[in-house]
C-alpha atoms as a PDB file:
ATOM      1  CA  MET A   1       0.000   0.000   0.000  1.00  0.00           C
ATOM      2  CA  GLY A   2       2.858   2.418   0.725  1.00  0.00           C
ATOM      3  CA  ALA A   3       4.494   1.711  -2.623  1.00  0.00           C
ATOM      4  CA  CYS A   4       2.635   4.565  -4.297  1.00  0.00           C
ATOM      5  CA  PHE A   5       4.564   7.079  -2.159  1.00  0.00           C
ATOM      6  CA  SER A   6       7.972   5.614  -2.930  1.00  0.00           C
ATOM      7  CA  VAL A   7       7.788   6.277  -6.673  1.00  0.00           C
ATOM      8  CA  ASP A   8      10.570   8.583  -7.878  1.00  0.00           C
ATOM      9  CA  LYS A   9       8.443  11.272  -9.545  1.00  0.00           C
ATOM     10  CA  PRO A  10       9.808  13.593 -12.246  1.00  0.00           C
ATOM     11  CA  MET A  11      10.279  17.149 -10.978  1.00  0.00           C
ATOM     12  CA  LEU A  12      11.906  19.134 -13.824  1.00  0.00           C
ATOM     13  CA  ILE A  13      12.871  18.851 -17.447  1.00  0.00           C
ATOM     14  CA  ILE A  14      16.099  20.711 -18.201  1.00  0.00           C
ATOM     15  CA  GLY A  15      16.862  20.673 -21.905  1.00  0.00           C
ATOM     16  CA  THR A  16      16.051  17.079 -22.828  1.00  0.00           C
ATOM     17  CA  LYS A  17      16.886  15.562 -19.423  1.00  0.00           C
ATOM     18  CA  THR A  18      14.267  14.699 -16.799  1.00  0.00           C
ATOM     19  CA  VAL A  19      15.258  15.335 -13.184  1.00  0.00           C
ATOM     20  CA  LYS A  20      13.558  12.968 -10.739  1.00  0.00           C
ATOM     21  CA  ALA A  21      12.734  13.785  -7.105  1.00  0.00           C
ATOM     22  CA  SER A  22      15.729  11.851  -5.771  1.00  0.00           C
ATOM     23  CA  LYS A  23      18.173  14.006  -7.787  1.00  0.00           C
ATOM     24  CA  PHE A  24      16.274  17.293  -7.545  1.00  0.00           C
ATOM     25  CA  HIS A  25      17.872  18.241  -4.213  1.00  0.00           C
ATOM     26  CA  THR A  26      21.336  18.167  -5.820  1.00  0.00           C
ATOM     27  CA  ILE A  27      20.485  21.177  -8.024  1.00  0.00           C
ATOM     28  CA  VAL A  28      21.515  24.139  -5.891  1.00  0.00           C
ATOM     29  CA  THR A  29      22.880  26.607  -8.465  1.00  0.00           C
ATOM     30  CA  PHE A  30      22.236  27.313 -12.119  1.00  0.00           C
ATOM     31  CA  ARG A  31      25.613  25.697 -12.823  1.00  0.00           C
ATOM     32  CA  ASP A  32      24.202  22.418 -11.468  1.00  0.00           C
ATOM     33  CA  ALA A  33      21.183  22.778 -13.757  1.00  0.00           C
ATOM     34  CA  LEU A  34      23.425  23.419 -16.758  1.00  0.00           C
ATOM     35  CA  MET A  35      25.505  20.372 -15.881  1.00  0.00           C
ATOM     36  CA  VAL A  36      22.330  18.252 -16.005  1.00  0.00           C
ATOM     37  CA  ALA A  37      21.789  19.583 -19.539  1.00  0.00           C
ATOM     38  CA  GLY A  38      25.334  18.600 -20.539  1.00  0.00           C
ATOM     39  CA  LYS A  39      26.999  22.022 -20.321  1.00  0.00           C
ATOM     40  CA  PHE A  40      29.911  22.520 -17.915  1.00  0.00           C
ATOM     41  CA  PRO A  41      30.344  26.264 -17.272  1.00  0.00           C
ATOM     42  CA  PRO A  42      32.797  27.769 -14.786  1.00  0.00           C
ATOM     43  CA  HIS A  43      31.306  29.118 -11.554  1.00  0.00           C
ATOM     44  CA  ASP A  44      31.570  32.736 -12.692  1.00  0.00           C
ATOM     45  CA  ALA A  45      30.158  32.225 -16.201  1.00  0.00           C
ATOM     46  CA  ALA A  46      27.658  34.832 -17.363  1.00  0.00           C
ATOM     47  CA  ILE A  47      24.198  33.425 -18.054  1.00  0.00           C
ATOM     48  CA  THR A  48      20.849  34.911 -18.959  1.00  0.00           C
ATOM     49  CA  LEU A  49      17.602  33.771 -17.348  1.00  0.00           C
ATOM     50  CA  ILE A  50      14.212  34.028 -19.030  1.00  0.00           C
ATOM     51  CA  LYS A  51      11.052  33.976 -16.919  1.00  0.00           C
ATOM     52  CA  ASN A  52       7.659  35.267 -18.064  1.00  0.00           C
ATOM     53  CA  GLU A  53       9.292  37.268 -20.875  1.00  0.00           C
ATOM     54  CA  VAL A  54      11.599  39.034 -18.384  1.00  0.00           C
ATOM     55  CA  ILE A  55      15.341  38.725 -18.930  1.00  0.00           C
ATOM     56  CA  VAL A  56      17.744  38.634 -15.970  1.00  0.00           C
ATOM     57  CA  PHE A  57      21.545  38.606 -16.274  1.00  0.00           C
ATOM     58  CA  THR A  58      23.411  36.667 -13.572  1.00  0.00           C
ATOM     59  CA  THR A  59      26.274  34.236 -13.027  1.00  0.00           C
ATOM     60  CA  ALA A  60      26.188  30.453 -12.974  1.00  0.00           C
ATOM     61  CA  ASN A  61      26.765  30.259  -9.219  1.00  0.00           C
ATOM     62  CA  ALA A  62      23.461  32.051  -8.422  1.00  0.00           C
ATOM     63  CA  LYS A  63      20.893  30.060  -6.455  1.00  0.00           C
ATOM     64  CA  PHE A  64      18.627  27.977  -8.694  1.00  0.00           C
ATOM     65  CA  TYR A  65      14.915  28.676  -9.062  1.00  0.00           C
ATOM     66  CA  ALA A  66      12.430  27.617 -11.731  1.00  0.00           C
ATOM     67  CA  VAL A  67      12.689  29.714 -14.896  1.00  0.00           C
ATOM     68  CA  ASP A  68      11.452  29.294 -18.466  1.00  0.00           C
ATOM     69  CA  GLY A  69      14.921  29.117 -19.972  1.00  0.00           C
ATOM     70  CA  ILE A  70      18.642  29.537 -19.385  1.00  0.00           C
ATOM     71  CA  VAL A  71      20.817  31.107 -22.089  1.00  0.00           C
ATOM     72  CA  TYR A  72      24.483  30.088 -21.982  1.00  0.00           C
ATOM     73  CA  LYS A  73      26.887  30.946 -24.821  1.00  0.00           C
ATOM     74  CA  GLY A  74      23.999  31.804 -27.134  1.00  0.00           C
ATOM     75  CA  ILE A  75      22.199  28.491 -26.595  1.00  0.00           C
ATOM     76  CA  THR A  76      18.791  28.551 -24.906  1.00  0.00           C
ATOM     77  CA  ILE A  77      18.138  25.602 -22.613  1.00  0.00           C
ATOM     78  CA  PRO A  78      14.440  25.307 -21.756  1.00  0.00           C
ATOM     79  CA  VAL A  79      13.441  24.491 -18.169  1.00  0.00           C
ATOM     80  CA  ARG A  80       9.999  23.079 -17.433  1.00  0.00           C
ATOM     81  CA  LYS A  81       8.767  22.285 -13.963  1.00  0.00           C
ATOM     82  CA  LEU A  82       6.535  19.268 -13.592  1.00  0.00           C
ATOM     83  CA  TYR A  83       5.410  19.879 -10.007  1.00  0.00           C
ATOM     84  CA  GLY A  84       3.219  22.444  -8.296  1.00  0.00           C
ATOM     85  CA  LYS A  85       1.336  25.218 -10.045  1.00  0.00           C
END
């Protein structure tokens, strides 16, 4: 009966990779999110965040939060959350 709560649910899609609940807590910075997508930026790399058509410039070591996309070296990596509202 308790097996339904132990399922590793998908939490995010970063690029083409799905991040499950067990690995979601390892994403602390935007650098971690980019590493999931296969990009390996330095900690001080300049990135652009897109959320609700608002553009924010920051570095890769900024704390991660759900956005619509991350632009790194001219490549837009879409981020889609699969939890909450």
